[in-house]
Amino acid sequence: MKPMNEKHLAVLRRHMVEVIAIYADLESEELGKAAFDERVMAAMLQVPRHLFVPAPAAPFAYQDMPLPIGFDKTVSQPFMVALMIDLLDPQPHEAVLEIGTGLGYQAAILAELAGQVWSVEIIEEFASHAEALLRSLGISNVGIRIGDGSGGWPERAPFDKILVTAAAEEAPPALLEQLKPMGRLVLPMGSEQQFLTVIDKDSAGRLETRQFIPVRFGRLETV
C-alpha cells in the first residue's frame, strides 16, 4: 500500500473534527453547550496532528484516541484537546501558559487562538523536539522552557489563561498566583477521581471552581 499524502490526511483531519462535533453534542448536558467555539474547531482543522506524534503512530493520528509519544506519555485524544481549549477560551490578545508541552500539539492549537503561548515541559527531549517542530511549521508565538510545571513560569507572569495537561489533587499555588485577575485556569483535578476543572479568578482575586466531566490523566510531575 502506498503512503498517505496530504490530501488523504486533510480528509482524515476533517473527519476528526466532525467526530469531535458529534461528541460535543453528546456531552451537551454535562458541558452546558452543544458545540465548541468555531475558532477552536478551525484550529483543530488547521494543525497537522500527524506531525506531532512518532512516525509509527502517524497513521492513527486522526482517530479520536490518545497516542503514545514516548517516556510513558501520551498526546491527549483530539476531543479532550478541543474541550480543554474551548473551556479555556483563549483570545487573540491574551498570553497563555501551558503546563506540559509534550511534542507541541496542544501548543500549536493554542498558538492559532492566543497572542502568545508560554509552555513548560519537564522532559528535555520533548521540549527540544517541540521547539524545533513548531519553528519548522512557522509558529513563532510559542516559547518553551524545561522545568517543573507546578512552579509555572514566574518571569513571564502574569497570564490571562493557564492550561494544565496533567492531573493534580489541587491547583498548584504558584499557578493561581501567576493567573491574572479575571483570568482562567483549566486542569484535570482530583485524587481518586479526577474531573476536568475550571477555576476563574475575579477582579478581587477570589476563585470560583467548576467541575465538568470525569477524566483520567497522568499525574503532574514535579522535581
N, C-alpha and C. Protein backbone atom coordinates (compact mmCIF):
# COMPACT_ATOMS: atom_id res chain seq x y z
N MET A 1 0.85 -1.19 0.00
CA MET A 1 0.00 0.00 0.00
C MET A 1 0.89 1.25 0.00
N LYS A 2 0.57 2.22 -0.84
CA LYS A 2 1.36 3.45 -0.87
C LYS A 2 1.04 4.31 0.34
N PRO A 3 1.97 5.16 0.75
CA PRO A 3 1.74 6.01 1.92
C PRO A 3 0.67 7.07 1.65
N MET A 4 0.04 7.54 2.71
CA MET A 4 -0.96 8.61 2.58
C MET A 4 -0.29 9.91 2.22
N ASN A 5 -0.96 10.70 1.38
CA ASN A 5 -0.45 12.02 1.03
C ASN A 5 -1.23 13.09 1.79
N GLU A 6 -0.88 14.34 1.54
CA GLU A 6 -1.50 15.44 2.29
C GLU A 6 -3.00 15.53 2.03
N LYS A 7 -3.43 15.15 0.85
CA LYS A 7 -4.87 15.17 0.55
C LYS A 7 -5.61 14.16 1.42
N HIS A 8 -5.04 12.95 1.52
CA HIS A 8 -5.65 11.94 2.38
C HIS A 8 -5.71 12.42 3.83
N LEU A 9 -4.61 12.97 4.29
CA LEU A 9 -4.53 13.41 5.68
C LEU A 9 -5.50 14.54 5.98
N ALA A 10 -5.70 15.42 5.00
CA ALA A 10 -6.65 16.52 5.19
C ALA A 10 -8.08 15.99 5.33
N VAL A 11 -8.41 14.95 4.58
CA VAL A 11 -9.74 14.34 4.69
C VAL A 11 -9.92 13.72 6.07
N LEU A 12 -8.89 13.00 6.53
CA LEU A 12 -8.96 12.39 7.86
C LEU A 12 -9.06 13.45 8.95
N ARG A 13 -8.38 14.58 8.77
CA ARG A 13 -8.44 15.65 9.76
C ARG A 13 -9.85 16.24 9.81
N ARG A 14 -10.48 16.41 8.66
CA ARG A 14 -11.87 16.90 8.63
C ARG A 14 -12.78 15.91 9.34
N HIS A 15 -12.55 14.63 9.11
CA HIS A 15 -13.37 13.62 9.77
C HIS A 15 -13.17 13.69 11.28
N MET A 16 -11.93 13.88 11.73
CA MET A 16 -11.65 14.02 13.15
C MET A 16 -12.46 15.16 13.76
N VAL A 17 -12.50 16.29 13.07
CA VAL A 17 -13.23 17.45 13.58
C VAL A 17 -14.73 17.18 13.61
N GLU A 18 -15.23 16.43 12.63
CA GLU A 18 -16.64 16.06 12.63
C GLU A 18 -16.97 15.16 13.81
N VAL A 19 -16.08 14.24 14.13
CA VAL A 19 -16.28 13.36 15.28
C VAL A 19 -16.27 14.17 16.58
N ILE A 20 -15.36 15.12 16.69
CA ILE A 20 -15.33 15.99 17.86
C ILE A 20 -16.67 16.71 18.02
N ALA A 21 -17.23 17.19 16.92
CA ALA A 21 -18.52 17.89 16.98
C ALA A 21 -19.62 16.96 17.47
N ILE A 22 -19.59 15.71 17.04
CA ILE A 22 -20.59 14.74 17.50
C ILE A 22 -20.46 14.52 19.00
N TYR A 23 -19.25 14.32 19.48
CA TYR A 23 -19.05 14.09 20.91
C TYR A 23 -19.44 15.31 21.74
N ALA A 24 -19.17 16.50 21.21
CA ALA A 24 -19.57 17.72 21.92
C ALA A 24 -21.08 17.76 22.09
N ASP A 25 -21.79 17.39 21.04
CA ASP A 25 -23.25 17.37 21.11
C ASP A 25 -23.74 16.32 22.11
N LEU A 26 -23.10 15.15 22.11
CA LEU A 26 -23.49 14.09 23.03
C LEU A 26 -23.25 14.48 24.49
N GLU A 27 -22.24 15.31 24.74
CA GLU A 27 -21.90 15.74 26.10
C GLU A 27 -22.55 17.07 26.46
N SER A 28 -23.52 17.51 25.68
CA SER A 28 -24.06 18.86 25.84
C SER A 28 -24.68 19.11 27.21
N GLU A 29 -25.33 18.11 27.79
CA GLU A 29 -25.94 18.31 29.11
C GLU A 29 -24.87 18.55 30.17
N GLU A 30 -23.77 17.79 30.11
CA GLU A 30 -22.70 17.94 31.08
C GLU A 30 -21.92 19.23 30.88
N LEU A 31 -21.79 19.66 29.62
CA LEU A 31 -20.96 20.82 29.31
C LEU A 31 -21.74 22.13 29.28
N GLY A 32 -23.06 22.03 29.16
CA GLY A 32 -23.87 23.24 29.12
C GLY A 32 -23.89 23.91 27.76
N LYS A 33 -23.41 23.23 26.74
CA LYS A 33 -23.42 23.75 25.38
C LYS A 33 -23.32 22.57 24.42
N ALA A 34 -23.83 22.73 23.21
CA ALA A 34 -23.90 21.62 22.27
C ALA A 34 -22.81 21.67 21.20
N ALA A 35 -22.00 22.72 21.22
CA ALA A 35 -20.97 22.85 20.19
C ALA A 35 -19.82 23.67 20.74
N PHE A 36 -18.61 23.37 20.26
CA PHE A 36 -17.44 24.13 20.65
C PHE A 36 -17.33 25.38 19.79
N ASP A 37 -16.56 26.33 20.30
CA ASP A 37 -16.32 27.58 19.59
C ASP A 37 -15.78 27.30 18.18
N GLU A 38 -16.30 28.02 17.21
CA GLU A 38 -15.87 27.82 15.82
C GLU A 38 -14.37 28.05 15.64
N ARG A 39 -13.79 28.97 16.41
CA ARG A 39 -12.35 29.22 16.31
C ARG A 39 -11.54 28.01 16.75
N VAL A 40 -12.02 27.33 17.80
CA VAL A 40 -11.34 26.12 18.27
C VAL A 40 -11.41 25.04 17.21
N MET A 41 -12.59 24.85 16.62
CA MET A 41 -12.75 23.82 15.60
C MET A 41 -11.90 24.13 14.37
N ALA A 42 -11.80 25.40 14.01
CA ALA A 42 -10.98 25.79 12.86
C ALA A 42 -9.51 25.50 13.14
N ALA A 43 -9.07 25.73 14.37
CA ALA A 43 -7.67 25.44 14.73
C ALA A 43 -7.40 23.95 14.71
N MET A 44 -8.35 23.15 15.19
CA MET A 44 -8.20 21.70 15.14
C MET A 44 -8.09 21.21 13.70
N LEU A 45 -8.80 21.87 12.81
CA LEU A 45 -8.76 21.52 11.39
C LEU A 45 -7.45 21.94 10.74
N GLN A 46 -6.84 22.98 11.27
CA GLN A 46 -5.65 23.56 10.67
C GLN A 46 -4.37 22.82 11.05
N VAL A 47 -4.25 22.41 12.30
CA VAL A 47 -2.97 21.88 12.80
C VAL A 47 -2.81 20.40 12.44
N PRO A 48 -1.70 20.02 11.81
CA PRO A 48 -1.49 18.63 11.37
C PRO A 48 -1.05 17.72 12.51
N ARG A 49 -2.00 17.08 13.16
CA ARG A 49 -1.68 16.25 14.33
C ARG A 49 -0.69 15.14 14.00
N HIS A 50 -0.70 14.66 12.76
CA HIS A 50 0.19 13.54 12.41
C HIS A 50 1.67 13.90 12.53
N LEU A 51 1.98 15.19 12.53
CA LEU A 51 3.37 15.61 12.69
C LEU A 51 3.80 15.65 14.16
N PHE A 52 2.84 15.61 15.06
CA PHE A 52 3.13 15.76 16.49
C PHE A 52 3.11 14.43 17.25
N VAL A 53 3.18 13.34 16.51
CA VAL A 53 3.28 12.01 17.12
C VAL A 53 4.45 11.29 16.46
N PRO A 54 5.02 10.27 17.12
CA PRO A 54 6.08 9.50 16.47
C PRO A 54 5.59 8.87 15.17
N ALA A 55 6.49 8.69 14.23
CA ALA A 55 6.13 8.20 12.89
C ALA A 55 5.28 6.93 12.91
N PRO A 56 5.57 5.92 13.76
CA PRO A 56 4.73 4.72 13.74
C PRO A 56 3.27 4.99 14.12
N ALA A 57 3.02 6.06 14.86
CA ALA A 57 1.65 6.38 15.28
C ALA A 57 0.93 7.30 14.31
N ALA A 58 1.65 7.85 13.33
CA ALA A 58 1.07 8.84 12.42
C ALA A 58 -0.17 8.34 11.68
N PRO A 59 -0.22 7.06 11.23
CA PRO A 59 -1.44 6.60 10.54
C PRO A 59 -2.70 6.66 11.40
N PHE A 60 -2.52 6.73 12.72
CA PHE A 60 -3.67 6.75 13.64
C PHE A 60 -3.93 8.14 14.21
N ALA A 61 -3.23 9.15 13.68
CA ALA A 61 -3.24 10.48 14.30
C ALA A 61 -4.61 11.12 14.32
N TYR A 62 -5.48 10.76 13.37
CA TYR A 62 -6.77 11.44 13.30
C TYR A 62 -7.92 10.60 13.84
N GLN A 63 -7.57 9.51 14.53
CA GLN A 63 -8.58 8.80 15.30
C GLN A 63 -8.73 9.50 16.65
N ASP A 64 -9.92 9.43 17.21
CA ASP A 64 -10.16 10.13 18.47
C ASP A 64 -9.68 9.27 19.64
N MET A 65 -8.37 9.26 19.79
CA MET A 65 -7.76 8.44 20.84
C MET A 65 -6.43 9.05 21.24
N PRO A 66 -6.02 8.86 22.50
CA PRO A 66 -4.66 9.28 22.89
C PRO A 66 -3.65 8.39 22.18
N LEU A 67 -2.46 8.94 21.95
CA LEU A 67 -1.41 8.17 21.27
C LEU A 67 -0.11 8.30 22.07
N PRO A 68 0.67 7.22 22.12
CA PRO A 68 1.94 7.27 22.87
C PRO A 68 2.96 8.15 22.16
N ILE A 69 3.71 8.93 22.96
CA ILE A 69 4.74 9.80 22.38
C ILE A 69 6.11 9.54 23.00
N GLY A 70 6.20 8.50 23.85
CA GLY A 70 7.47 8.19 24.49
C GLY A 70 7.47 8.56 25.97
N PHE A 71 8.44 8.00 26.70
CA PHE A 71 8.58 8.27 28.14
C PHE A 71 7.30 7.97 28.92
N ASP A 72 6.54 6.96 28.45
CA ASP A 72 5.26 6.59 29.08
C ASP A 72 4.25 7.73 29.10
N LYS A 73 4.35 8.63 28.12
CA LYS A 73 3.42 9.76 27.99
C LYS A 73 2.59 9.60 26.72
N THR A 74 1.47 10.31 26.69
CA THR A 74 0.61 10.30 25.51
C THR A 74 0.23 11.72 25.13
N VAL A 75 -0.18 11.87 23.87
CA VAL A 75 -0.87 13.09 23.46
C VAL A 75 -2.35 12.81 23.64
N SER A 76 -3.08 13.75 24.22
CA SER A 76 -4.49 13.54 24.54
C SER A 76 -5.32 13.31 23.29
N GLN A 77 -6.46 12.63 23.48
CA GLN A 77 -7.37 12.43 22.35
C GLN A 77 -7.84 13.80 21.83
N PRO A 78 -8.10 13.91 20.55
CA PRO A 78 -8.50 15.20 19.98
C PRO A 78 -9.71 15.83 20.66
N PHE A 79 -10.72 15.02 21.00
CA PHE A 79 -11.89 15.61 21.67
C PHE A 79 -11.49 16.28 22.97
N MET A 80 -10.60 15.65 23.75
CA MET A 80 -10.20 16.24 25.02
C MET A 80 -9.40 17.52 24.81
N VAL A 81 -8.54 17.53 23.80
CA VAL A 81 -7.79 18.75 23.47
C VAL A 81 -8.76 19.88 23.15
N ALA A 82 -9.72 19.59 22.28
CA ALA A 82 -10.69 20.62 21.88
C ALA A 82 -11.52 21.09 23.07
N LEU A 83 -11.94 20.15 23.92
CA LEU A 83 -12.75 20.50 25.08
C LEU A 83 -11.99 21.41 26.04
N MET A 84 -10.76 21.04 26.37
CA MET A 84 -9.99 21.84 27.32
C MET A 84 -9.72 23.24 26.78
N ILE A 85 -9.43 23.33 25.49
CA ILE A 85 -9.15 24.64 24.91
C ILE A 85 -10.43 25.46 24.79
N ASP A 86 -11.54 24.80 24.49
CA ASP A 86 -12.82 25.52 24.43
C ASP A 86 -13.17 26.08 25.81
N LEU A 87 -12.96 25.29 26.85
CA LEU A 87 -13.23 25.78 28.22
C LEU A 87 -12.28 26.91 28.59
N LEU A 88 -11.05 26.82 28.11
CA LEU A 88 -10.06 27.87 28.41
C LEU A 88 -10.45 29.20 27.76
N ASP A 89 -11.00 29.12 26.54
CA ASP A 89 -11.45 30.30 25.80
C ASP A 89 -10.33 31.32 25.55
N PRO A 90 -9.20 30.90 24.95
CA PRO A 90 -8.11 31.85 24.69
C PRO A 90 -8.49 32.85 23.61
N GLN A 91 -8.06 34.10 23.80
CA GLN A 91 -8.39 35.17 22.87
C GLN A 91 -7.11 35.71 22.21
N PRO A 92 -7.26 36.36 21.04
CA PRO A 92 -6.09 36.78 20.26
C PRO A 92 -5.14 37.74 20.99
N HIS A 93 -5.64 38.47 21.98
CA HIS A 93 -4.80 39.44 22.68
C HIS A 93 -4.18 38.87 23.96
N GLU A 94 -4.43 37.59 24.25
CA GLU A 94 -4.07 37.05 25.56
C GLU A 94 -2.77 36.26 25.54
N ALA A 95 -2.15 36.21 26.72
CA ALA A 95 -0.98 35.36 26.96
C ALA A 95 -1.43 34.12 27.72
N VAL A 96 -1.07 32.96 27.19
CA VAL A 96 -1.49 31.68 27.76
C VAL A 96 -0.27 30.91 28.24
N LEU A 97 -0.36 30.34 29.42
CA LEU A 97 0.66 29.42 29.93
C LEU A 97 0.13 28.01 29.80
N GLU A 98 0.93 27.15 29.16
CA GLU A 98 0.60 25.73 29.06
C GLU A 98 1.59 24.95 29.93
N ILE A 99 1.07 24.04 30.74
CA ILE A 99 1.92 23.17 31.55
C ILE A 99 1.86 21.77 30.94
N GLY A 100 3.00 21.31 30.41
CA GLY A 100 3.06 20.01 29.75
C GLY A 100 3.04 20.15 28.24
N THR A 101 4.17 20.49 27.66
CA THR A 101 4.24 20.72 26.21
C THR A 101 4.08 19.44 25.41
N GLY A 102 4.64 18.33 25.94
CA GLY A 102 4.69 17.12 25.13
C GLY A 102 5.47 17.39 23.86
N LEU A 103 4.94 16.92 22.73
CA LEU A 103 5.59 17.18 21.44
C LEU A 103 5.05 18.43 20.76
N GLY A 104 4.17 19.18 21.46
CA GLY A 104 3.79 20.50 20.97
C GLY A 104 2.45 20.62 20.31
N TYR A 105 1.65 19.55 20.27
CA TYR A 105 0.38 19.62 19.54
C TYR A 105 -0.57 20.65 20.13
N GLN A 106 -0.80 20.57 21.43
CA GLN A 106 -1.74 21.50 22.05
C GLN A 106 -1.22 22.93 22.00
N ALA A 107 0.10 23.09 22.11
CA ALA A 107 0.68 24.43 21.98
C ALA A 107 0.42 25.00 20.59
N ALA A 108 0.48 24.14 19.57
CA ALA A 108 0.22 24.60 18.20
C ALA A 108 -1.23 25.05 18.04
N ILE A 109 -2.16 24.33 18.66
CA ILE A 109 -3.57 24.74 18.63
C ILE A 109 -3.73 26.08 19.35
N LEU A 110 -3.14 26.19 20.53
CA LEU A 110 -3.24 27.45 21.29
C LEU A 110 -2.63 28.62 20.52
N ALA A 111 -1.56 28.35 19.79
CA ALA A 111 -0.90 29.42 19.03
C ALA A 111 -1.81 30.01 17.96
N GLU A 112 -2.76 29.21 17.48
CA GLU A 112 -3.73 29.71 16.49
C GLU A 112 -4.75 30.64 17.13
N LEU A 113 -4.91 30.56 18.44
CA LEU A 113 -6.03 31.22 19.12
C LEU A 113 -5.61 32.35 20.05
N ALA A 114 -4.39 32.29 20.57
CA ALA A 114 -3.92 33.27 21.55
C ALA A 114 -2.83 34.14 20.94
N GLY A 115 -2.54 35.26 21.61
CA GLY A 115 -1.48 36.13 21.13
C GLY A 115 -0.10 35.57 21.38
N GLN A 116 0.10 34.98 22.58
CA GLN A 116 1.40 34.42 22.95
C GLN A 116 1.16 33.20 23.83
N VAL A 117 1.92 32.15 23.57
CA VAL A 117 1.85 30.92 24.36
C VAL A 117 3.21 30.67 24.98
N TRP A 118 3.22 30.45 26.29
CA TRP A 118 4.42 30.04 27.02
C TRP A 118 4.16 28.64 27.54
N SER A 119 5.08 27.71 27.29
CA SER A 119 4.84 26.31 27.62
C SER A 119 6.01 25.74 28.40
N VAL A 120 5.70 25.01 29.47
CA VAL A 120 6.72 24.42 30.34
C VAL A 120 6.64 22.90 30.23
N GLU A 121 7.79 22.27 29.99
CA GLU A 121 7.86 20.82 29.83
C GLU A 121 8.99 20.27 30.69
N ILE A 122 8.70 19.22 31.44
CA ILE A 122 9.69 18.67 32.36
C ILE A 122 10.68 17.72 31.67
N ILE A 123 10.29 17.17 30.51
CA ILE A 123 11.16 16.22 29.80
C ILE A 123 11.92 16.96 28.71
N GLU A 124 13.22 17.02 28.86
CA GLU A 124 14.06 17.82 27.97
C GLU A 124 13.92 17.40 26.51
N GLU A 125 13.86 16.11 26.26
CA GLU A 125 13.75 15.63 24.87
C GLU A 125 12.45 16.12 24.21
N PHE A 126 11.36 16.13 24.96
CA PHE A 126 10.10 16.65 24.43
C PHE A 126 10.23 18.13 24.10
N ALA A 127 10.78 18.89 25.02
CA ALA A 127 10.87 20.34 24.85
C ALA A 127 11.67 20.70 23.61
N SER A 128 12.82 20.05 23.41
CA SER A 128 13.65 20.38 22.26
C SER A 128 12.99 19.95 20.96
N HIS A 129 12.32 18.78 20.97
CA HIS A 129 11.62 18.32 19.76
C HIS A 129 10.48 19.27 19.41
N ALA A 130 9.68 19.63 20.41
CA ALA A 130 8.54 20.52 20.16
C ALA A 130 9.00 21.87 19.65
N GLU A 131 10.05 22.40 20.24
CA GLU A 131 10.56 23.71 19.83
C GLU A 131 10.98 23.69 18.36
N ALA A 132 11.71 22.65 17.95
CA ALA A 132 12.17 22.54 16.57
C ALA A 132 11.00 22.35 15.61
N LEU A 133 10.02 21.52 16.00
CA LEU A 133 8.88 21.26 15.13
C LEU A 133 8.02 22.50 14.94
N LEU A 134 7.74 23.20 16.02
CA LEU A 134 6.93 24.42 15.91
C LEU A 134 7.63 25.45 15.05
N ARG A 135 8.94 25.57 15.21
CA ARG A 135 9.70 26.51 14.39
C ARG A 135 9.63 26.12 12.92
N SER A 136 9.72 24.82 12.63
CA SER A 136 9.69 24.36 11.23
C SER A 136 8.34 24.63 10.58
N LEU A 137 7.29 24.72 11.39
CA LEU A 137 5.95 25.00 10.88
C LEU A 137 5.65 26.49 10.82
N GLY A 138 6.63 27.31 11.17
CA GLY A 138 6.45 28.75 11.12
C GLY A 138 5.65 29.32 12.27
N ILE A 139 5.53 28.57 13.35
CA ILE A 139 4.79 29.03 14.52
C ILE A 139 5.76 29.77 15.43
N SER A 140 5.61 31.08 15.51
CA SER A 140 6.61 31.92 16.19
C SER A 140 6.14 32.49 17.52
N ASN A 141 4.89 32.24 17.91
CA ASN A 141 4.37 32.83 19.14
C ASN A 141 4.27 31.82 20.28
N VAL A 142 5.15 30.80 20.27
CA VAL A 142 5.23 29.83 21.35
C VAL A 142 6.65 29.84 21.90
N GLY A 143 6.78 30.03 23.20
CA GLY A 143 8.06 29.92 23.89
C GLY A 143 8.03 28.73 24.82
N ILE A 144 9.10 27.95 24.85
CA ILE A 144 9.15 26.72 25.64
C ILE A 144 10.35 26.76 26.58
N ARG A 145 10.14 26.29 27.78
CA ARG A 145 11.28 26.09 28.68
C ARG A 145 11.14 24.76 29.39
N ILE A 146 12.26 24.23 29.84
CA ILE A 146 12.30 22.96 30.57
C ILE A 146 12.19 23.26 32.06
N GLY A 147 11.31 22.56 32.75
CA GLY A 147 11.20 22.79 34.18
C GLY A 147 10.00 22.12 34.79
N ASP A 148 9.81 22.35 36.06
CA ASP A 148 8.71 21.82 36.86
C ASP A 148 7.48 22.69 36.61
N GLY A 149 6.49 22.11 35.96
CA GLY A 149 5.31 22.88 35.60
C GLY A 149 4.53 23.42 36.77
N SER A 150 4.60 22.76 37.92
CA SER A 150 3.83 23.23 39.06
C SER A 150 4.29 24.59 39.55
N GLY A 151 5.51 24.98 39.15
CA GLY A 151 6.02 26.31 39.51
C GLY A 151 5.70 27.37 38.49
N GLY A 152 5.05 26.99 37.39
CA GLY A 152 4.71 27.95 36.36
C GLY A 152 5.93 28.52 35.67
N TRP A 153 5.80 29.78 35.27
CA TRP A 153 6.90 30.50 34.60
C TRP A 153 6.89 31.92 35.14
N PRO A 154 7.45 32.14 36.33
CA PRO A 154 7.32 33.44 37.01
C PRO A 154 7.81 34.61 36.18
N GLU A 155 8.88 34.40 35.40
CA GLU A 155 9.46 35.51 34.62
C GLU A 155 8.51 36.01 33.53
N ARG A 156 7.57 35.17 33.12
CA ARG A 156 6.62 35.56 32.06
C ARG A 156 5.24 35.91 32.62
N ALA A 157 5.05 35.73 33.91
CA ALA A 157 3.75 36.00 34.53
C ALA A 157 3.50 37.51 34.60
N PRO A 158 2.23 37.91 34.74
CA PRO A 158 1.05 37.07 34.90
C PRO A 158 0.46 36.64 33.55
N PHE A 159 -0.42 35.65 33.61
CA PHE A 159 -1.03 35.09 32.40
C PHE A 159 -2.54 35.30 32.42
N ASP A 160 -3.08 35.50 31.22
CA ASP A 160 -4.54 35.61 31.10
C ASP A 160 -5.21 34.26 31.31
N LYS A 161 -4.59 33.22 30.78
CA LYS A 161 -5.16 31.88 30.86
C LYS A 161 -4.02 30.88 31.13
N ILE A 162 -4.36 29.80 31.84
CA ILE A 162 -3.39 28.73 32.12
C ILE A 162 -4.07 27.40 31.85
N LEU A 163 -3.39 26.53 31.12
CA LEU A 163 -3.90 25.20 30.78
C LEU A 163 -2.90 24.15 31.27
N VAL A 164 -3.37 23.20 32.05
CA VAL A 164 -2.51 22.15 32.61
C VAL A 164 -2.92 20.82 32.01
N THR A 165 -1.96 20.11 31.43
CA THR A 165 -2.28 18.87 30.72
C THR A 165 -1.98 17.62 31.54
N ALA A 166 -1.82 17.77 32.84
CA ALA A 166 -1.63 16.65 33.76
C ALA A 166 -2.43 16.93 35.02
N ALA A 167 -2.76 15.86 35.74
CA ALA A 167 -3.68 15.99 36.87
C ALA A 167 -2.95 16.34 38.16
N ALA A 168 -3.64 17.12 38.99
CA ALA A 168 -3.14 17.45 40.33
C ALA A 168 -4.29 17.31 41.31
N GLU A 169 -3.96 17.00 42.57
CA GLU A 169 -5.02 16.88 43.59
C GLU A 169 -5.67 18.23 43.85
N GLU A 170 -4.88 19.30 43.73
CA GLU A 170 -5.41 20.65 43.84
C GLU A 170 -4.60 21.54 42.92
N ALA A 171 -5.12 22.69 42.62
CA ALA A 171 -4.42 23.61 41.72
C ALA A 171 -3.12 24.07 42.37
N PRO A 172 -1.99 23.95 41.69
CA PRO A 172 -0.72 24.40 42.27
C PRO A 172 -0.78 25.88 42.64
N PRO A 173 -0.40 26.23 43.87
CA PRO A 173 -0.49 27.62 44.32
C PRO A 173 0.25 28.61 43.42
N ALA A 174 1.41 28.20 42.89
CA ALA A 174 2.17 29.11 42.02
C ALA A 174 1.39 29.48 40.78
N LEU A 175 0.62 28.53 40.24
CA LEU A 175 -0.17 28.81 39.04
C LEU A 175 -1.32 29.78 39.36
N LEU A 176 -1.95 29.58 40.49
CA LEU A 176 -3.02 30.50 40.88
C LEU A 176 -2.47 31.91 41.09
N GLU A 177 -1.26 31.99 41.64
CA GLU A 177 -0.64 33.29 41.88
C GLU A 177 -0.29 33.98 40.56
N GLN A 178 0.12 33.20 39.56
CA GLN A 178 0.54 33.77 38.28
C GLN A 178 -0.63 34.05 37.34
N LEU A 179 -1.84 33.69 37.74
CA LEU A 179 -3.03 33.95 36.95
C LEU A 179 -3.52 35.37 37.19
N LYS A 180 -3.77 36.11 36.12
CA LYS A 180 -4.26 37.48 36.25
C LYS A 180 -5.65 37.51 36.86
N PRO A 181 -6.01 38.61 37.53
CA PRO A 181 -7.42 38.83 37.87
C PRO A 181 -8.26 38.76 36.58
N MET A 182 -9.42 38.14 36.67
CA MET A 182 -10.31 37.88 35.54
C MET A 182 -9.73 36.81 34.60
N GLY A 183 -8.73 36.07 35.10
CA GLY A 183 -8.13 35.00 34.32
C GLY A 183 -8.78 33.66 34.59
N ARG A 184 -8.34 32.64 33.85
CA ARG A 184 -8.94 31.30 33.95
C ARG A 184 -7.87 30.23 33.89
N LEU A 185 -8.02 29.22 34.74
CA LEU A 185 -7.15 28.05 34.79
C LEU A 185 -7.99 26.82 34.51
N VAL A 186 -7.53 25.98 33.60
CA VAL A 186 -8.21 24.72 33.28
C VAL A 186 -7.24 23.58 33.54
N LEU A 187 -7.70 22.58 34.31
CA LEU A 187 -6.84 21.43 34.61
C LEU A 187 -7.68 20.25 35.04
N PRO A 188 -7.14 19.02 34.88
CA PRO A 188 -7.76 17.85 35.50
C PRO A 188 -7.39 17.85 36.97
N MET A 189 -8.38 17.72 37.85
CA MET A 189 -8.10 17.86 39.27
C MET A 189 -8.83 16.78 40.07
N GLY A 190 -8.14 16.25 41.07
CA GLY A 190 -8.74 15.26 41.95
C GLY A 190 -7.71 14.22 42.36
N SER A 191 -8.07 13.40 43.34
CA SER A 191 -7.17 12.35 43.81
C SER A 191 -7.61 11.01 43.23
N GLU A 192 -8.54 10.32 43.89
CA GLU A 192 -9.01 9.05 43.35
C GLU A 192 -9.85 9.25 42.10
N GLN A 193 -10.64 10.28 42.06
CA GLN A 193 -11.46 10.60 40.89
C GLN A 193 -11.07 11.99 40.38
N GLN A 194 -10.71 12.07 39.12
CA GLN A 194 -10.35 13.34 38.51
C GLN A 194 -11.55 13.92 37.74
N PHE A 195 -11.66 15.24 37.78
CA PHE A 195 -12.66 15.93 36.98
C PHE A 195 -11.97 17.07 36.23
N LEU A 196 -12.42 17.28 35.01
CA LEU A 196 -11.94 18.45 34.29
C LEU A 196 -12.51 19.67 35.00
N THR A 197 -11.61 20.57 35.41
CA THR A 197 -11.97 21.65 36.33
C THR A 197 -11.59 23.00 35.75
N VAL A 198 -12.49 23.96 35.92
CA VAL A 198 -12.24 25.35 35.52
C VAL A 198 -12.22 26.21 36.77
N ILE A 199 -11.14 26.98 36.92
CA ILE A 199 -11.02 27.92 38.05
C ILE A 199 -10.94 29.33 37.48
N ASP A 200 -11.90 30.16 37.84
CA ASP A 200 -11.92 31.56 37.41
C ASP A 200 -11.51 32.45 38.58
N LYS A 201 -10.68 33.44 38.29
CA LYS A 201 -10.27 34.42 39.29
C LYS A 201 -10.96 35.75 38.99
N ASP A 202 -11.66 36.31 39.97
CA ASP A 202 -12.36 37.56 39.72
C ASP A 202 -11.42 38.75 39.91
N SER A 203 -11.96 39.94 39.76
CA SER A 203 -11.13 41.15 39.80
C SER A 203 -10.50 41.38 41.18
N ALA A 204 -11.09 40.79 42.22
CA ALA A 204 -10.55 40.93 43.57
C ALA A 204 -9.65 39.76 43.96
N GLY A 205 -9.43 38.83 43.02
CA GLY A 205 -8.58 37.69 43.30
C GLY A 205 -9.29 36.49 43.90
N ARG A 206 -10.62 36.57 44.06
CA ARG A 206 -11.37 35.43 44.57
C ARG A 206 -11.50 34.37 43.48
N LEU A 207 -11.55 33.10 43.91
CA LEU A 207 -11.56 31.98 42.98
C LEU A 207 -12.93 31.30 42.97
N GLU A 208 -13.38 30.96 41.77
CA GLU A 208 -14.61 30.16 41.61
C GLU A 208 -14.24 28.90 40.84
N THR A 209 -14.61 27.75 41.39
CA THR A 209 -14.24 26.46 40.79
C THR A 209 -15.48 25.74 40.28
N ARG A 210 -15.37 25.24 39.05
CA ARG A 210 -16.44 24.45 38.45
C ARG A 210 -15.88 23.14 37.93
N GLN A 211 -16.60 22.05 38.18
CA GLN A 211 -16.20 20.75 37.68
C GLN A 211 -17.07 20.34 36.51
N PHE A 212 -16.44 19.69 35.55
CA PHE A 212 -17.17 19.20 34.39
C PHE A 212 -17.09 17.67 34.35
N ILE A 213 -16.67 17.09 33.28
CA ILE A 213 -16.75 15.64 33.13
C ILE A 213 -15.61 14.92 33.85
N PRO A 214 -15.82 13.67 34.26
CA PRO A 214 -14.71 12.88 34.82
C PRO A 214 -13.68 12.56 33.73
N VAL A 215 -12.41 12.57 34.13
CA VAL A 215 -11.32 12.33 33.17
C VAL A 215 -10.26 11.46 33.85
N ARG A 216 -9.29 11.02 33.05
CA ARG A 216 -8.17 10.27 33.60
C ARG A 216 -6.89 10.73 32.92
N PHE A 217 -6.07 11.45 33.64
CA PHE A 217 -4.81 11.98 33.14
C PHE A 217 -3.67 11.46 34.00
N GLY A 218 -2.47 11.45 33.43
CA GLY A 218 -1.27 11.18 34.20
C GLY A 218 -1.04 12.32 35.19
N ARG A 219 -0.33 12.01 36.27
CA ARG A 219 -0.09 13.00 37.31
C ARG A 219 0.93 14.05 36.91
N LEU A 220 0.72 15.26 37.40
CA LEU A 220 1.64 16.35 37.19
C LEU A 220 2.97 16.03 37.89
N GLU A 221 4.03 15.96 37.13
CA GLU A 221 5.34 15.62 37.70
C GLU A 221 6.01 16.86 38.27
N THR A 222 6.69 16.67 39.39
CA THR A 222 7.46 17.75 39.99
C THR A 222 8.87 17.27 40.25
N VAL A 223 9.78 18.21 40.40
CA VAL A 223 11.18 17.86 40.68
C VAL A 223 11.61 18.48 41.99
